[in-house]
Amino acid sequence: MRTVFDAILECGHDEDFVPQVTPDFKPTDAPAGSLAKLKVLAERVRMGFPLWHEDDRSDYSGLTGYRTTEDDL
């Protein structure tokens, strides 16, 4: 069984990682905890962006109910 320490020795660490902000780094209106928001966060990680954008949705105002559809998956 590998440990996290084995993985760090093999692959290095991310202590020095500095996210890059480019024009492609856009805010999202997806509500916190939603599948849509999780997908945005995952894509930000893949792109090397910061996880949080200062203009991301910060509350649930204006939402009457959030429904996930097959297209959201």
N, C-alpha and C. Protein backbone atom coordinates (compact mmCIF):
# COMPACT_ATOMS: atom_id res chain seq x y z
N MET A 1 0.84 -1.17 0.00
CA MET A 1 0.00 0.00 0.00
C MET A 1 0.89 1.25 0.00
N ARG A 2 0.56 2.19 -0.86
CA ARG A 2 1.30 3.44 -0.91
C ARG A 2 0.72 4.43 0.09
N THR A 3 1.58 5.25 0.60
CA THR A 3 1.12 6.31 1.50
C THR A 3 1.23 7.65 0.78
N VAL A 4 0.66 8.67 1.38
CA VAL A 4 0.77 10.01 0.81
C VAL A 4 2.24 10.43 0.76
N PHE A 5 3.02 9.96 1.70
CA PHE A 5 4.44 10.31 1.72
C PHE A 5 5.18 9.68 0.54
N ASP A 6 4.81 8.44 0.18
CA ASP A 6 5.39 7.80 -1.00
C ASP A 6 5.05 8.60 -2.25
N ALA A 7 3.81 9.05 -2.35
CA ALA A 7 3.38 9.83 -3.51
C ALA A 7 4.14 11.15 -3.59
N ILE A 8 4.37 11.79 -2.45
CA ILE A 8 5.11 13.06 -2.44
C ILE A 8 6.55 12.82 -2.87
N LEU A 9 7.17 11.76 -2.38
CA LEU A 9 8.53 11.45 -2.79
C LEU A 9 8.62 11.17 -4.29
N GLU A 10 7.62 10.49 -4.82
CA GLU A 10 7.61 10.11 -6.23
C GLU A 10 7.27 11.29 -7.15
N CYS A 11 6.27 12.06 -6.77
CA CYS A 11 5.73 13.09 -7.67
C CYS A 11 6.06 14.51 -7.26
N GLY A 12 6.58 14.69 -6.08
CA GLY A 12 6.80 16.05 -5.59
C GLY A 12 5.59 16.54 -4.83
N HIS A 13 5.59 17.82 -4.54
CA HIS A 13 4.49 18.40 -3.76
C HIS A 13 4.02 19.67 -4.45
N ASP A 14 2.97 20.25 -3.90
CA ASP A 14 2.43 21.47 -4.52
C ASP A 14 2.53 22.68 -3.60
N GLU A 15 3.44 22.64 -2.63
CA GLU A 15 3.57 23.76 -1.70
C GLU A 15 3.91 25.06 -2.42
N ASP A 16 4.61 24.96 -3.52
CA ASP A 16 5.03 26.15 -4.24
C ASP A 16 4.09 26.51 -5.39
N PHE A 17 2.96 25.80 -5.50
CA PHE A 17 2.01 26.06 -6.59
C PHE A 17 1.41 27.45 -6.45
N VAL A 18 1.43 28.19 -7.54
CA VAL A 18 0.82 29.52 -7.58
C VAL A 18 -0.20 29.49 -8.72
N PRO A 19 -1.49 29.57 -8.40
CA PRO A 19 -2.51 29.55 -9.46
C PRO A 19 -2.31 30.72 -10.42
N GLN A 20 -2.60 30.49 -11.68
CA GLN A 20 -2.48 31.51 -12.70
C GLN A 20 -3.85 32.06 -13.06
N VAL A 21 -3.95 33.38 -13.13
CA VAL A 21 -5.20 34.02 -13.53
C VAL A 21 -5.02 34.54 -14.95
N THR A 22 -5.86 34.05 -15.86
CA THR A 22 -5.85 34.50 -17.25
C THR A 22 -7.25 35.00 -17.59
N PRO A 23 -7.43 35.55 -18.77
CA PRO A 23 -8.78 35.99 -19.17
C PRO A 23 -9.80 34.84 -19.18
N ASP A 24 -9.34 33.60 -19.23
CA ASP A 24 -10.26 32.45 -19.22
C ASP A 24 -10.81 32.15 -17.82
N PHE A 25 -10.25 32.77 -16.79
CA PHE A 25 -10.70 32.55 -15.42
C PHE A 25 -11.94 33.41 -15.18
N LYS A 26 -13.10 32.78 -15.24
CA LYS A 26 -14.38 33.49 -15.16
C LYS A 26 -15.16 33.07 -13.91
N PRO A 27 -16.00 33.97 -13.39
CA PRO A 27 -16.85 33.61 -12.25
C PRO A 27 -17.97 32.67 -12.67
N THR A 28 -18.56 32.01 -11.70
CA THR A 28 -19.69 31.12 -11.97
C THR A 28 -20.88 31.55 -11.13
N ASP A 29 -22.06 31.33 -11.68
CA ASP A 29 -23.30 31.61 -10.96
C ASP A 29 -23.85 30.35 -10.30
N ALA A 30 -23.11 29.24 -10.43
CA ALA A 30 -23.57 27.97 -9.86
C ALA A 30 -23.61 28.06 -8.34
N PRO A 31 -24.68 27.56 -7.73
CA PRO A 31 -24.79 27.61 -6.26
C PRO A 31 -23.76 26.70 -5.58
N ALA A 32 -23.30 27.13 -4.42
CA ALA A 32 -22.35 26.33 -3.64
C ALA A 32 -22.93 24.95 -3.36
N GLY A 33 -22.10 23.93 -3.51
CA GLY A 33 -22.52 22.57 -3.22
C GLY A 33 -23.22 21.87 -4.36
N SER A 34 -23.52 22.60 -5.43
CA SER A 34 -24.22 21.98 -6.56
C SER A 34 -23.23 21.21 -7.42
N LEU A 35 -23.74 20.27 -8.20
CA LEU A 35 -22.91 19.52 -9.12
C LEU A 35 -22.25 20.46 -10.12
N ALA A 36 -22.98 21.47 -10.56
CA ALA A 36 -22.42 22.44 -11.50
C ALA A 36 -21.22 23.16 -10.89
N LYS A 37 -21.30 23.55 -9.63
CA LYS A 37 -20.19 24.24 -8.97
C LYS A 37 -19.00 23.30 -8.81
N LEU A 38 -19.27 22.05 -8.45
CA LEU A 38 -18.18 21.08 -8.32
C LEU A 38 -17.46 20.88 -9.64
N LYS A 39 -18.21 20.87 -10.73
CA LYS A 39 -17.59 20.73 -12.05
C LYS A 39 -16.72 21.94 -12.37
N VAL A 40 -17.20 23.13 -12.02
CA VAL A 40 -16.42 24.35 -12.24
C VAL A 40 -15.12 24.28 -11.43
N LEU A 41 -15.21 23.87 -10.17
CA LEU A 41 -14.02 23.78 -9.33
C LEU A 41 -13.02 22.77 -9.90
N ALA A 42 -13.52 21.63 -10.36
CA ALA A 42 -12.64 20.61 -10.94
C ALA A 42 -11.95 21.14 -12.19
N GLU A 43 -12.67 21.86 -13.01
CA GLU A 43 -12.08 22.43 -14.23
C GLU A 43 -11.04 23.50 -13.87
N ARG A 44 -11.31 24.27 -12.85
CA ARG A 44 -10.34 25.28 -12.42
C ARG A 44 -9.04 24.61 -11.97
N VAL A 45 -9.14 23.51 -11.26
CA VAL A 45 -7.94 22.77 -10.84
C VAL A 45 -7.19 22.29 -12.07
N ARG A 46 -7.91 21.70 -13.02
CA ARG A 46 -7.26 21.19 -14.24
C ARG A 46 -6.55 22.30 -15.01
N MET A 47 -7.13 23.50 -14.99
CA MET A 47 -6.57 24.63 -15.75
C MET A 47 -5.49 25.39 -14.97
N GLY A 48 -5.29 25.03 -13.70
CA GLY A 48 -4.28 25.72 -12.89
C GLY A 48 -4.74 27.07 -12.36
N PHE A 49 -6.06 27.27 -12.33
CA PHE A 49 -6.63 28.52 -11.82
C PHE A 49 -6.83 28.43 -10.31
N PRO A 50 -7.05 29.58 -9.66
CA PRO A 50 -7.48 29.54 -8.26
C PRO A 50 -8.85 28.86 -8.17
N LEU A 51 -9.16 28.26 -7.04
CA LEU A 51 -10.47 27.62 -6.89
C LEU A 51 -11.59 28.65 -6.84
N TRP A 52 -11.37 29.76 -6.16
CA TRP A 52 -12.44 30.72 -5.92
C TRP A 52 -12.22 32.00 -6.69
N HIS A 53 -13.26 32.46 -7.36
CA HIS A 53 -13.26 33.75 -8.07
C HIS A 53 -14.01 34.74 -7.20
N GLU A 54 -13.52 35.96 -7.08
CA GLU A 54 -14.17 36.93 -6.19
C GLU A 54 -15.61 37.24 -6.60
N ASP A 55 -15.97 36.96 -7.86
CA ASP A 55 -17.33 37.22 -8.32
C ASP A 55 -18.19 35.97 -8.42
N ASP A 56 -17.73 34.84 -7.88
CA ASP A 56 -18.58 33.64 -7.83
C ASP A 56 -19.82 33.94 -7.00
N ARG A 57 -20.89 33.21 -7.28
CA ARG A 57 -22.12 33.36 -6.48
C ARG A 57 -21.77 33.11 -5.02
N SER A 58 -22.23 34.02 -4.16
CA SER A 58 -21.90 33.90 -2.73
C SER A 58 -23.12 33.63 -1.86
N ASP A 59 -24.29 33.54 -2.48
CA ASP A 59 -25.50 33.27 -1.70
C ASP A 59 -26.52 32.54 -2.57
N TYR A 60 -27.66 32.30 -2.01
CA TYR A 60 -28.71 31.58 -2.74
C TYR A 60 -29.86 32.50 -3.13
N SER A 61 -29.66 33.81 -3.05
CA SER A 61 -30.73 34.75 -3.37
C SER A 61 -31.14 34.60 -4.83
N GLY A 62 -32.44 34.70 -5.05
CA GLY A 62 -32.97 34.61 -6.41
C GLY A 62 -33.21 33.19 -6.89
N LEU A 63 -32.81 32.20 -6.10
CA LEU A 63 -33.03 30.81 -6.50
C LEU A 63 -34.37 30.34 -5.95
N THR A 64 -35.16 29.72 -6.79
CA THR A 64 -36.42 29.17 -6.32
C THR A 64 -36.31 27.67 -6.13
N GLY A 65 -35.23 27.13 -6.53
CA GLY A 65 -34.98 25.69 -6.42
C GLY A 65 -33.97 25.33 -7.48
N TYR A 66 -33.02 24.53 -7.12
CA TYR A 66 -32.00 24.14 -8.07
C TYR A 66 -32.21 22.69 -8.42
N ARG A 67 -32.38 22.44 -9.68
CA ARG A 67 -32.66 21.09 -10.14
C ARG A 67 -31.55 20.64 -11.07
N THR A 68 -30.95 19.51 -10.77
CA THR A 68 -29.93 18.95 -11.63
C THR A 68 -30.60 18.07 -12.68
N THR A 69 -30.20 18.24 -13.91
CA THR A 69 -30.73 17.43 -15.00
C THR A 69 -29.62 16.55 -15.54
N GLU A 70 -29.99 15.65 -16.42
CA GLU A 70 -29.00 14.78 -17.06
C GLU A 70 -27.94 15.60 -17.78
N ASP A 71 -28.34 16.74 -18.36
CA ASP A 71 -27.40 17.59 -19.09
C ASP A 71 -26.34 18.19 -18.17
N ASP A 72 -26.67 18.36 -16.88
CA ASP A 72 -25.71 18.92 -15.92
C ASP A 72 -24.62 17.91 -15.57
N LEU A 73 -24.89 16.63 -15.78
CA LEU A 73 -23.94 15.60 -15.39
C LEU A 73 -22.87 15.50 -16.38
